[in-house]
Amino acid sequence: MTEEHAREVSSGNRFEFGANWARFLSVLDDGRIQGAVDSLRAMLRVADLNGKSFVDVGCGSGLFSLAAYKLGARVHSFDFDPKSVACAQELRRRYAADDKNWVIEEASALDPAYLARLGTFDVVYSWGVLHHTGSMWPALENIVALVSPGGLLFIAIYNDQGTRSRRWTRVKQIYNRTSPGLRWAVLWPTLLVTWGPRFLKDLLLLRPGRQWRNYGTDRGMSPWHDHVDWIGGYPFEVAKPEEIFRFYRDRGFDLVNLETAGGTVGCNQFVFRRGAPTLTDRDTLIALP
């Protein structure tokens, strides 16, 4: 697994997400962690995850595995990138004291044999991951079997913007095939493209840098590390919201929450439930309106 990942990185066909996440850990604080906890609770519409099992498919920094752990879940995290695995292990060391209720492994969402060994979970979480596998639709199919009957599936997939998405795909290819010492020549111009209008707007409103300072407070993210992740994030695939909805509807899932990217190239977020759940007094699910 580690050797396969290294080959893809060295050939310019994969971004080192884990290396970027390792740098993100240097700015991770209690406020960002609480933002992640609050956003997970809000999208799942739960008060907590006490007694629930949670799998983080492509755990990245491990931040949302930590959020689920703090909400009371038994957590299983895995990632294809060995440095992402190391990040999650570092967070477990810092905040969970190597608790056996949080398991972390190096594995791929494209490995059906590995997934079959995991069994099923009350919550399957994969935010902004499966479109980076290089085989998005098989990966979306593979995680179906991880969801318990009545369980929740929370995924986020990049929004298909047609020609615009194809242009960004080319930028990502160029970035990953550029020598590491010269990648600043891609990062800084694209920062001007993505953030220039926002900086200008804040300046005109006499609140310089406000959007940059407030960025990511809803999910605990960092604007710079998210920008690097966006520019470098390759492989890269996209889907229209209706494609994801139909895909899981046809596999017996009901859509229970949705947050779209609002016509941007960002991620559409979906929460599905497998089949019709039977709620009991012990369940912590908040009733949907």
C-alpha atoms as a PDB file:
ATOM      1  CA  MET A   1       0.000   0.000   0.000  1.00  0.00           C
ATOM      2  CA  THR A   2       2.726   2.485   0.994  1.00  0.00           C
ATOM      3  CA  GLU A   3       4.812   1.582  -2.076  1.00  0.00           C
ATOM      4  CA  GLU A   4       1.819   1.996  -4.414  1.00  0.00           C
ATOM      5  CA  HIS A   5       1.091   5.407  -2.906  1.00  0.00           C
ATOM      6  CA  ALA A   6       4.736   6.461  -3.287  1.00  0.00           C
ATOM      7  CA  ARG A   7       4.785   5.406  -6.958  1.00  0.00           C
ATOM      8  CA  GLU A   8       1.676   7.453  -7.723  1.00  0.00           C
ATOM      9  CA  VAL A   9       3.113  10.519  -5.978  1.00  0.00           C
ATOM     10  CA  SER A  10       6.490  10.259  -7.705  1.00  0.00           C
ATOM     11  CA  SER A  11       4.825   9.910 -11.114  1.00  0.00           C
ATOM     12  CA  GLY A  12       2.808  13.089 -10.553  1.00  0.00           C
ATOM     13  CA  ASN A  13      -0.495  11.214 -10.472  1.00  0.00           C
ATOM     14  CA  ARG A  14      -1.313  11.776  -6.799  1.00  0.00           C
ATOM     15  CA  PHE A  15      -1.118  14.671  -4.378  1.00  0.00           C
ATOM     16  CA  GLU A  16       0.433  14.078  -0.953  1.00  0.00           C
ATOM     17  CA  PHE A  17      -2.636  14.933   1.073  1.00  0.00           C
ATOM     18  CA  GLY A  18      -1.046  13.590   4.252  1.00  0.00           C
ATOM     19  CA  ALA A  19       1.948  15.932   4.020  1.00  0.00           C
ATOM     20  CA  ASN A  20      -0.416  18.908   3.836  1.00  0.00           C
ATOM     21  CA  TRP A  21      -2.487  17.557   6.744  1.00  0.00           C
ATOM     22  CA  ALA A  22       0.667  17.165   8.826  1.00  0.00           C
ATOM     23  CA  ARG A  23       1.302  20.894   8.427  1.00  0.00           C
ATOM     24  CA  PHE A  24      -2.346  21.609   9.283  1.00  0.00           C
ATOM     25  CA  LEU A  25      -1.901  19.911  12.673  1.00  0.00           C
ATOM     26  CA  SER A  26       0.435  22.745  13.676  1.00  0.00           C
ATOM     27  CA  VAL A  27      -2.530  25.170  13.620  1.00  0.00           C
ATOM     28  CA  LEU A  28      -5.155  22.802  15.014  1.00  0.00           C
ATOM     29  CA  ASP A  29      -6.556  24.089  18.299  1.00  0.00           C
ATOM     30  CA  ASP A  30      -9.569  23.563  20.547  1.00  0.00           C
ATOM     31  CA  GLY A  31     -11.655  26.068  18.571  1.00  0.00           C
ATOM     32  CA  ARG A  32     -11.129  24.217  15.307  1.00  0.00           C
ATOM     33  CA  ILE A  33     -11.879  20.891  16.970  1.00  0.00           C
ATOM     34  CA  GLN A  34     -15.123  22.250  18.389  1.00  0.00           C
ATOM     35  CA  GLY A  35     -16.049  23.565  14.936  1.00  0.00           C
ATOM     36  CA  ALA A  36     -15.625  20.056  13.553  1.00  0.00           C
ATOM     37  CA  VAL A  37     -17.696  18.549  16.376  1.00  0.00           C
ATOM     38  CA  ASP A  38     -20.501  21.077  15.873  1.00  0.00           C
ATOM     39  CA  SER A  39     -20.591  20.644  12.083  1.00  0.00           C
ATOM     40  CA  LEU A  40     -20.691  16.844  12.355  1.00  0.00           C
ATOM     41  CA  ARG A  41     -23.533  17.028  14.868  1.00  0.00           C
ATOM     42  CA  ALA A  42     -25.448  19.487  12.684  1.00  0.00           C
ATOM     43  CA  MET A  43     -25.159  17.562   9.402  1.00  0.00           C
ATOM     44  CA  LEU A  44     -25.999  14.203  11.003  1.00  0.00           C
ATOM     45  CA  ARG A  45     -28.764  15.874  13.054  1.00  0.00           C
ATOM     46  CA  VAL A  46     -27.727  14.088  16.216  1.00  0.00           C
ATOM     47  CA  ALA A  47     -27.219  15.203  19.787  1.00  0.00           C
ATOM     48  CA  ASP A  48     -24.338  12.750  20.214  1.00  0.00           C
ATOM     49  CA  LEU A  49     -23.006   9.432  18.937  1.00  0.00           C
ATOM     50  CA  ASN A  50     -22.954   7.551  22.220  1.00  0.00           C
ATOM     51  CA  GLY A  51     -22.986   3.809  21.620  1.00  0.00           C
ATOM     52  CA  LYS A  52     -22.696   4.244  17.823  1.00  0.00           C
ATOM     53  CA  SER A  53     -20.019   2.867  15.512  1.00  0.00           C
ATOM     54  CA  PHE A  54     -18.391   5.306  13.076  1.00  0.00           C
ATOM     55  CA  VAL A  55     -16.036   4.637  10.167  1.00  0.00           C
ATOM     56  CA  ASP A  56     -14.011   7.461   8.617  1.00  0.00           C
ATOM     57  CA  VAL A  57     -13.265   6.426   5.022  1.00  0.00           C
ATOM     58  CA  GLY A  58     -10.183   8.426   4.052  1.00  0.00           C
ATOM     59  CA  CYS A  59      -9.580  10.049   7.416  1.00  0.00           C
ATOM     60  CA  GLY A  60      -7.099  12.713   6.216  1.00  0.00           C
ATOM     61  CA  SER A  61      -5.920  14.703   9.235  1.00  0.00           C
ATOM     62  CA  GLY A  62      -8.092  12.608  11.548  1.00  0.00           C
ATOM     63  CA  LEU A  63      -9.977  15.721  12.687  1.00  0.00           C
ATOM     64  CA  PHE A  64     -13.431  14.315  12.035  1.00  0.00           C
ATOM     65  CA  SER A  65     -12.528  10.953  13.485  1.00  0.00           C
ATOM     66  CA  LEU A  66     -11.613  12.909  16.599  1.00  0.00           C
ATOM     67  CA  ALA A  67     -14.917  14.802  16.399  1.00  0.00           C
ATOM     68  CA  ALA A  68     -16.868  11.530  16.246  1.00  0.00           C
ATOM     69  CA  TYR A  69     -14.825  10.156  19.150  1.00  0.00           C
ATOM     70  CA  LYS A  70     -15.635  13.250  21.199  1.00  0.00           C
ATOM     71  CA  LEU A  71     -19.320  12.707  20.420  1.00  0.00           C
ATOM     72  CA  GLY A  72     -19.069   9.258  21.988  1.00  0.00           C
ATOM     73  CA  ALA A  73     -18.645   6.976  18.951  1.00  0.00           C
ATOM     74  CA  ARG A  74     -16.476   3.892  18.562  1.00  0.00           C
ATOM     75  CA  VAL A  75     -14.297   5.014  15.662  1.00  0.00           C
ATOM     76  CA  HIS A  76     -12.507   3.147  12.889  1.00  0.00           C
ATOM     77  CA  SER A  77     -10.333   5.350  10.637  1.00  0.00           C
ATOM     78  CA  PHE A  78      -8.407   4.405   7.530  1.00  0.00           C
ATOM     79  CA  ASP A  79      -6.593   6.172   4.693  1.00  0.00           C
ATOM     80  CA  PHE A  80      -4.547   5.248   1.622  1.00  0.00           C
ATOM     81  CA  ASP A  81      -1.954   7.941   2.406  1.00  0.00           C
ATOM     82  CA  PRO A  82       0.515   6.769   5.093  1.00  0.00           C
ATOM     83  CA  LYS A  83       1.137  10.347   6.252  1.00  0.00           C
ATOM     84  CA  SER A  84      -2.594  10.846   6.760  1.00  0.00           C
ATOM     85  CA  VAL A  85      -2.614   7.692   8.870  1.00  0.00           C
ATOM     86  CA  ALA A  86       0.246   9.173  10.911  1.00  0.00           C
ATOM     87  CA  CYS A  87      -1.749  12.407  11.394  1.00  0.00           C
ATOM     88  CA  ALA A  88      -4.740  10.509  12.752  1.00  0.00           C
ATOM     89  CA  GLN A  89      -2.457   8.516  15.040  1.00  0.00           C
ATOM     90  CA  GLU A  90      -0.982  11.763  16.345  1.00  0.00           C
ATOM     91  CA  LEU A  91      -4.439  13.133  17.135  1.00  0.00           C
ATOM     92  CA  ARG A  92      -5.351   9.920  18.916  1.00  0.00           C
ATOM     93  CA  ARG A  93      -2.150  10.224  20.928  1.00  0.00           C
ATOM     94  CA  ARG A  94      -2.953  13.826  21.862  1.00  0.00           C
ATOM     95  CA  TYR A  95      -6.641  13.533  22.629  1.00  0.00           C
ATOM     96  CA  ALA A  96      -7.600   9.874  23.082  1.00  0.00           C
ATOM     97  CA  ALA A  97      -4.540   8.403  24.837  1.00  0.00           C
ATOM     98  CA  ASP A  98      -4.446   5.484  22.375  1.00  0.00           C
ATOM     99  CA  ASP A  99      -8.000   4.484  23.382  1.00  0.00           C
ATOM    100  CA  LYS A 100      -8.989   1.111  21.890  1.00  0.00           C
ATOM    101  CA  ASN A 101     -12.320   2.668  20.899  1.00  0.00           C
ATOM    102  CA  TRP A 102     -10.425   4.454  18.109  1.00  0.00           C
ATOM    103  CA  VAL A 103      -8.728   2.155  15.576  1.00  0.00           C
ATOM    104  CA  ILE A 104      -6.586   3.568  12.740  1.00  0.00           C
ATOM    105  CA  GLU A 105      -5.329   1.618   9.717  1.00  0.00           C
ATOM    106  CA  GLU A 106      -3.699   2.156   6.341  1.00  0.00           C
ATOM    107  CA  ALA A 107      -6.111   0.907   3.676  1.00  0.00           C
ATOM    108  CA  SER A 108      -7.982   1.881   0.514  1.00  0.00           C
ATOM    109  CA  ALA A 109     -11.655   2.426  -0.265  1.00  0.00           C
ATOM    110  CA  LEU A 110     -10.918   0.585  -3.512  1.00  0.00           C
ATOM    111  CA  ASP A 111     -10.089  -2.642  -1.663  1.00  0.00           C
ATOM    112  CA  PRO A 112     -13.368  -4.613  -1.356  1.00  0.00           C
ATOM    113  CA  ALA A 113     -11.684  -7.441   0.565  1.00  0.00           C
ATOM    114  CA  TYR A 114     -10.501  -5.029   3.266  1.00  0.00           C
ATOM    115  CA  LEU A 115     -13.892  -3.350   3.482  1.00  0.00           C
ATOM    116  CA  ALA A 116     -15.659  -6.696   3.779  1.00  0.00           C
ATOM    117  CA  ARG A 117     -13.599  -7.493   6.891  1.00  0.00           C
ATOM    118  CA  LEU A 118     -14.774  -4.323   8.631  1.00  0.00           C
ATOM    119  CA  GLY A 119     -18.450  -5.270   8.894  1.00  0.00           C
ATOM    120  CA  THR A 120     -21.063  -2.518   9.148  1.00  0.00           C
ATOM    121  CA  PHE A 121     -21.327   0.796  10.990  1.00  0.00           C
ATOM    122  CA  ASP A 122     -24.028   3.095  12.298  1.00  0.00           C
ATOM    123  CA  VAL A 123     -22.330   6.057  10.587  1.00  0.00           C
ATOM    124  CA  VAL A 124     -20.163   5.888   7.468  1.00  0.00           C
ATOM    125  CA  TYR A 125     -18.329   9.167   6.875  1.00  0.00           C
ATOM    126  CA  SER A 126     -16.275  10.136   3.833  1.00  0.00           C
ATOM    127  CA  TRP A 127     -15.892  13.880   3.314  1.00  0.00           C
ATOM    128  CA  GLY A 128     -14.117  15.029   0.169  1.00  0.00           C
ATOM    129  CA  VAL A 129     -12.291  11.737  -0.308  1.00  0.00           C
ATOM    130  CA  LEU A 130     -13.801   9.368  -2.857  1.00  0.00           C
ATOM    131  CA  HIS A 131     -13.381  11.821  -5.754  1.00  0.00           C
ATOM    132  CA  HIS A 132      -9.621  11.592  -5.120  1.00  0.00           C
ATOM    133  CA  THR A 133      -9.353   7.797  -5.393  1.00  0.00           C
ATOM    134  CA  GLY A 134      -9.027   7.768  -9.180  1.00  0.00           C
ATOM    135  CA  SER A 135     -12.122   5.517  -9.351  1.00  0.00           C
ATOM    136  CA  MET A 136     -14.892   7.544  -7.744  1.00  0.00           C
ATOM    137  CA  TRP A 137     -17.933   5.527  -8.789  1.00  0.00           C
ATOM    138  CA  PRO A 138     -16.498   2.137  -7.743  1.00  0.00           C
ATOM    139  CA  ALA A 139     -15.486   3.734  -4.432  1.00  0.00           C
ATOM    140  CA  LEU A 140     -19.020   5.101  -3.944  1.00  0.00           C
ATOM    141  CA  GLU A 141     -20.300   1.573  -4.606  1.00  0.00           C
ATOM    142  CA  ASN A 142     -17.815  -0.076  -2.264  1.00  0.00           C
ATOM    143  CA  ILE A 143     -18.874   1.857   0.819  1.00  0.00           C
ATOM    144  CA  VAL A 144     -22.535   0.829   0.495  1.00  0.00           C
ATOM    145  CA  ALA A 145     -21.862  -2.440   2.276  1.00  0.00           C
ATOM    146  CA  LEU A 146     -20.345  -0.597   5.264  1.00  0.00           C
ATOM    147  CA  VAL A 147     -23.665   1.027   6.208  1.00  0.00           C
ATOM    148  CA  SER A 148     -25.809  -0.812   8.739  1.00  0.00           C
ATOM    149  CA  PRO A 149     -29.560  -1.121   8.060  1.00  0.00           C
ATOM    150  CA  GLY A 150     -30.985   2.191   9.258  1.00  0.00           C
ATOM    151  CA  GLY A 151     -27.465   3.617   9.415  1.00  0.00           C
ATOM    152  CA  LEU A 152     -26.280   6.975   8.084  1.00  0.00           C
ATOM    153  CA  LEU A 153     -23.955   7.675   5.167  1.00  0.00           C
ATOM    154  CA  PHE A 154     -22.350  11.143   5.124  1.00  0.00           C
ATOM    155  CA  ILE A 155     -20.365  11.947   1.995  1.00  0.00           C
ATOM    156  CA  ALA A 156     -19.105  15.094   0.269  1.00  0.00           C
ATOM    157  CA  ILE A 157     -18.273  15.105  -3.448  1.00  0.00           C
ATOM    158  CA  TYR A 158     -16.985  17.915  -5.658  1.00  0.00           C
ATOM    159  CA  ASN A 159     -19.674  19.686  -7.661  1.00  0.00           C
ATOM    160  CA  ASP A 160     -19.583  19.167 -11.434  1.00  0.00           C
ATOM    161  CA  GLN A 161     -19.152  22.585 -13.076  1.00  0.00           C
ATOM    162  CA  GLY A 162     -18.487  21.284 -16.564  1.00  0.00           C
ATOM    163  CA  THR A 163     -15.762  23.242 -18.379  1.00  0.00           C
ATOM    164  CA  ARG A 164     -14.741  25.019 -15.183  1.00  0.00           C
ATOM    165  CA  SER A 165     -14.121  21.695 -13.430  1.00  0.00           C
ATOM    166  CA  ARG A 166     -12.081  20.467 -16.391  1.00  0.00           C
ATOM    167  CA  ARG A 167      -9.900  23.599 -16.239  1.00  0.00           C
ATOM    168  CA  TRP A 168      -9.206  22.994 -12.548  1.00  0.00           C
ATOM    169  CA  THR A 169      -8.351  19.367 -13.315  1.00  0.00           C
ATOM    170  CA  ARG A 170      -5.636  20.609 -15.665  1.00  0.00           C
ATOM    171  CA  VAL A 171      -4.295  23.002 -12.998  1.00  0.00           C
ATOM    172  CA  LYS A 172      -4.079  20.109 -10.533  1.00  0.00           C
ATOM    173  CA  GLN A 173      -2.211  17.958 -13.051  1.00  0.00           C
ATOM    174  CA  ILE A 174       0.281  20.754 -13.681  1.00  0.00           C
ATOM    175  CA  TYR A 175       0.818  21.289  -9.958  1.00  0.00           C
ATOM    176  CA  ASN A 176       1.546  17.625  -9.251  1.00  0.00           C
ATOM    177  CA  ARG A 177       3.863  17.273 -12.238  1.00  0.00           C
ATOM    178  CA  THR A 178       5.847  20.383 -11.311  1.00  0.00           C
ATOM    179  CA  SER A 179       9.016  20.078  -9.241  1.00  0.00           C
ATOM    180  CA  PRO A 180       8.164  20.628  -5.534  1.00  0.00           C
ATOM    181  CA  GLY A 181      10.528  23.597  -5.405  1.00  0.00           C
ATOM    182  CA  LEU A 182       8.598  25.370  -8.163  1.00  0.00           C
ATOM    183  CA  ARG A 183       5.018  24.645  -7.093  1.00  0.00           C
ATOM    184  CA  TRP A 184       4.751  28.123  -5.587  1.00  0.00           C
ATOM    185  CA  ALA A 185       4.403  29.300  -9.200  1.00  0.00           C
ATOM    186  CA  VAL A 186       1.051  27.491  -9.310  1.00  0.00           C
ATOM    187  CA  LEU A 187      -0.058  28.084  -5.725  1.00  0.00           C
ATOM    188  CA  TRP A 188       0.256  31.860  -5.557  1.00  0.00           C
ATOM    189  CA  PRO A 189      -1.438  32.803  -8.853  1.00  0.00           C
ATOM    190  CA  THR A 190      -4.325  30.459  -8.073  1.00  0.00           C
ATOM    191  CA  LEU A 191      -4.611  31.984  -4.600  1.00  0.00           C
ATOM    192  CA  LEU A 192      -5.080  35.341  -6.314  1.00  0.00           C
ATOM    193  CA  VAL A 193      -7.794  33.824  -8.538  1.00  0.00           C
ATOM    194  CA  THR A 194      -9.706  32.130  -5.703  1.00  0.00           C
ATOM    195  CA  TRP A 195      -9.192  34.690  -2.950  1.00  0.00           C
ATOM    196  CA  GLY A 196      -8.533  37.983  -4.784  1.00  0.00           C
ATOM    197  CA  PRO A 197     -12.209  38.971  -5.127  1.00  0.00           C
ATOM    198  CA  ARG A 198     -12.846  38.188  -1.465  1.00  0.00           C
ATOM    199  CA  PHE A 199      -9.849  40.202  -0.298  1.00  0.00           C
ATOM    200  CA  LEU A 200     -10.974  43.120  -2.477  1.00  0.00           C
ATOM    201  CA  LYS A 201     -14.557  42.963  -1.181  1.00  0.00           C
ATOM    202  CA  ASP A 202     -13.407  43.000   2.449  1.00  0.00           C
ATOM    203  CA  LEU A 203     -11.069  45.904   1.714  1.00  0.00           C
ATOM    204  CA  LEU A 204     -13.877  47.934   0.136  1.00  0.00           C
ATOM    205  CA  LEU A 205     -16.091  47.206   3.157  1.00  0.00           C
ATOM    206  CA  LEU A 206     -13.292  48.387   5.493  1.00  0.00           C
ATOM    207  CA  ARG A 207     -12.871  44.947   7.028  1.00  0.00           C
ATOM    208  CA  PRO A 208      -9.549  43.767   5.489  1.00  0.00           C
ATOM    209  CA  GLY A 209      -8.924  40.028   5.686  1.00  0.00           C
ATOM    210  CA  ARG A 210     -12.165  39.238   7.479  1.00  0.00           C
ATOM    211  CA  GLN A 211     -13.174  36.293   5.250  1.00  0.00           C
ATOM    212  CA  TRP A 212      -9.680  34.819   5.490  1.00  0.00           C
ATOM    213  CA  ARG A 213      -9.691  35.066   9.290  1.00  0.00           C
ATOM    214  CA  ASN A 214     -13.184  33.595   9.580  1.00  0.00           C
ATOM    215  CA  TYR A 215     -12.724  30.887   6.976  1.00  0.00           C
ATOM    216  CA  GLY A 216     -13.451  27.331   8.046  1.00  0.00           C
ATOM    217  CA  THR A 217     -14.836  28.125  11.471  1.00  0.00           C
ATOM    218  CA  ASP A 218     -17.852  25.941  10.628  1.00  0.00           C
ATOM    219  CA  ARG A 219     -15.676  22.866  10.018  1.00  0.00           C
ATOM    220  CA  GLY A 220     -12.437  23.674  11.797  1.00  0.00           C
ATOM    221  CA  MET A 221     -10.503  24.134   8.571  1.00  0.00           C
ATOM    222  CA  SER A 222      -7.601  26.450   7.642  1.00  0.00           C
ATOM    223  CA  PRO A 223      -7.784  28.689   4.504  1.00  0.00           C
ATOM    224  CA  TRP A 224      -4.163  28.171   3.452  1.00  0.00           C
ATOM    225  CA  HIS A 225      -4.110  24.401   3.959  1.00  0.00           C
ATOM    226  CA  ASP A 226      -7.470  24.084   2.224  1.00  0.00           C
ATOM    227  CA  HIS A 227      -6.112  26.098  -0.720  1.00  0.00           C
ATOM    228  CA  VAL A 228      -3.100  23.792  -1.027  1.00  0.00           C
ATOM    229  CA  ASP A 229      -5.434  20.793  -0.773  1.00  0.00           C
ATOM    230  CA  TRP A 230      -7.675  22.238  -3.501  1.00  0.00           C
ATOM    231  CA  ILE A 231      -4.876  23.059  -5.944  1.00  0.00           C
ATOM    232  CA  GLY A 232      -2.986  19.841  -5.328  1.00  0.00           C
ATOM    233  CA  GLY A 233      -5.979  17.526  -4.960  1.00  0.00           C
ATOM    234  CA  TYR A 234      -5.435  14.960  -7.691  1.00  0.00           C
ATOM    235  CA  PRO A 235      -6.825  12.491  -8.837  1.00  0.00           C
ATOM    236  CA  PHE A 236      -9.923  14.633  -9.211  1.00  0.00           C
ATOM    237  CA  GLU A 237     -13.465  13.695 -10.236  1.00  0.00           C
ATOM    238  CA  VAL A 238     -16.793  15.482  -9.929  1.00  0.00           C
ATOM    239  CA  ALA A 239     -20.514  14.720  -9.922  1.00  0.00           C
ATOM    240  CA  LYS A 240     -23.782  16.608 -10.160  1.00  0.00           C
ATOM    241  CA  PRO A 241     -25.947  16.480  -7.007  1.00  0.00           C
ATOM    242  CA  GLU A 242     -28.694  14.589  -8.807  1.00  0.00           C
ATOM    243  CA  GLU A 243     -26.223  11.917  -9.914  1.00  0.00           C
ATOM    244  CA  ILE A 244     -25.206  11.188  -6.324  1.00  0.00           C
ATOM    245  CA  PHE A 245     -28.837  11.261  -5.174  1.00  0.00           C
ATOM    246  CA  ARG A 246     -29.961   8.798  -7.843  1.00  0.00           C
ATOM    247  CA  PHE A 247     -26.965   6.533  -7.280  1.00  0.00           C
ATOM    248  CA  TYR A 248     -27.805   5.974  -3.622  1.00  0.00           C
ATOM    249  CA  ARG A 249     -31.574   6.089  -4.044  1.00  0.00           C
ATOM    250  CA  ASP A 250     -31.254   3.142  -6.420  1.00  0.00           C
ATOM    251  CA  ARG A 251     -29.350   1.270  -3.693  1.00  0.00           C
ATOM    252  CA  GLY A 252     -32.015   1.691  -1.045  1.00  0.00           C
ATOM    253  CA  PHE A 253     -30.919   4.947   0.611  1.00  0.00           C
ATOM    254  CA  ASP A 254     -33.116   7.911   1.568  1.00  0.00           C
ATOM    255  CA  LEU A 255     -31.716  11.449   1.503  1.00  0.00           C
ATOM    256  CA  VAL A 256     -32.123  13.042   4.944  1.00  0.00           C
ATOM    257  CA  ASN A 257     -29.850  16.082   4.687  1.00  0.00           C
ATOM    258  CA  LEU A 258     -28.229  18.036   1.876  1.00  0.00           C
ATOM    259  CA  GLU A 259     -25.988  21.075   1.618  1.00  0.00           C
ATOM    260  CA  THR A 260     -24.996  22.038  -1.907  1.00  0.00           C
ATOM    261  CA  ALA A 261     -21.951  23.975  -3.028  1.00  0.00           C
ATOM    262  CA  GLY A 262     -24.212  26.769  -4.251  1.00  0.00           C
ATOM    263  CA  GLY A 263     -23.145  26.566  -7.882  1.00  0.00           C
ATOM    264  CA  THR A 264     -19.416  26.608  -7.071  1.00  0.00           C
ATOM    265  CA  VAL A 265     -16.732  23.971  -7.623  1.00  0.00           C
ATOM    266  CA  GLY A 266     -16.818  23.089  -3.912  1.00  0.00           C
ATOM    267  CA  CYS A 267     -18.283  19.973  -2.343  1.00  0.00           C
ATOM    268  CA  ASN A 268     -21.934  19.010  -2.184  1.00  0.00           C
ATOM    269  CA  GLN A 269     -22.659  17.326   1.158  1.00  0.00           C
ATOM    270  CA  PHE A 270     -25.159  14.474   1.459  1.00  0.00           C
ATOM    271  CA  VAL A 271     -26.479  12.493   4.404  1.00  0.00           C
ATOM    272  CA  PHE A 272     -28.374   9.348   3.467  1.00  0.00           C
ATOM    273  CA  ARG A 273     -30.101   6.767   5.628  1.00  0.00           C
ATOM    274  CA  ARG A 274     -30.115   3.122   4.583  1.00  0.00           C
ATOM    275  CA  GLY A 275     -33.708   1.952   4.610  1.00  0.00           C
ATOM    276  CA  ALA A 276     -36.273   3.143   7.121  1.00  0.00           C
ATOM    277  CA  PRO A 277     -34.907   3.239  10.687  1.00  0.00           C
ATOM    278  CA  THR A 278     -36.866   2.228  13.746  1.00  0.00           C
ATOM    279  CA  LEU A 279     -36.269   4.844  16.427  1.00  0.00           C
ATOM    280  CA  THR A 280     -36.405   3.933  20.087  1.00  0.00           C
ATOM    281  CA  ASP A 281     -36.279   6.015  23.219  1.00  0.00           C
ATOM    282  CA  ARG A 282     -32.577   5.241  23.494  1.00  0.00           C
ATOM    283  CA  ASP A 283     -31.725   6.690  20.087  1.00  0.00           C
ATOM    284  CA  THR A 284     -30.157  10.139  20.031  1.00  0.00           C
ATOM    285  CA  LEU A 285     -31.346  11.037  16.521  1.00  0.00           C
ATOM    286  CA  ILE A 286     -33.110  14.378  16.474  1.00  0.00           C
ATOM    287  CA  ALA A 287     -36.454  14.153  14.672  1.00  0.00           C
ATOM    288  CA  LEU A 288     -36.404  15.667  11.186  1.00  0.00           C
ATOM    289  CA  PRO A 289     -38.855  18.496  10.497  1.00  0.00           C
END
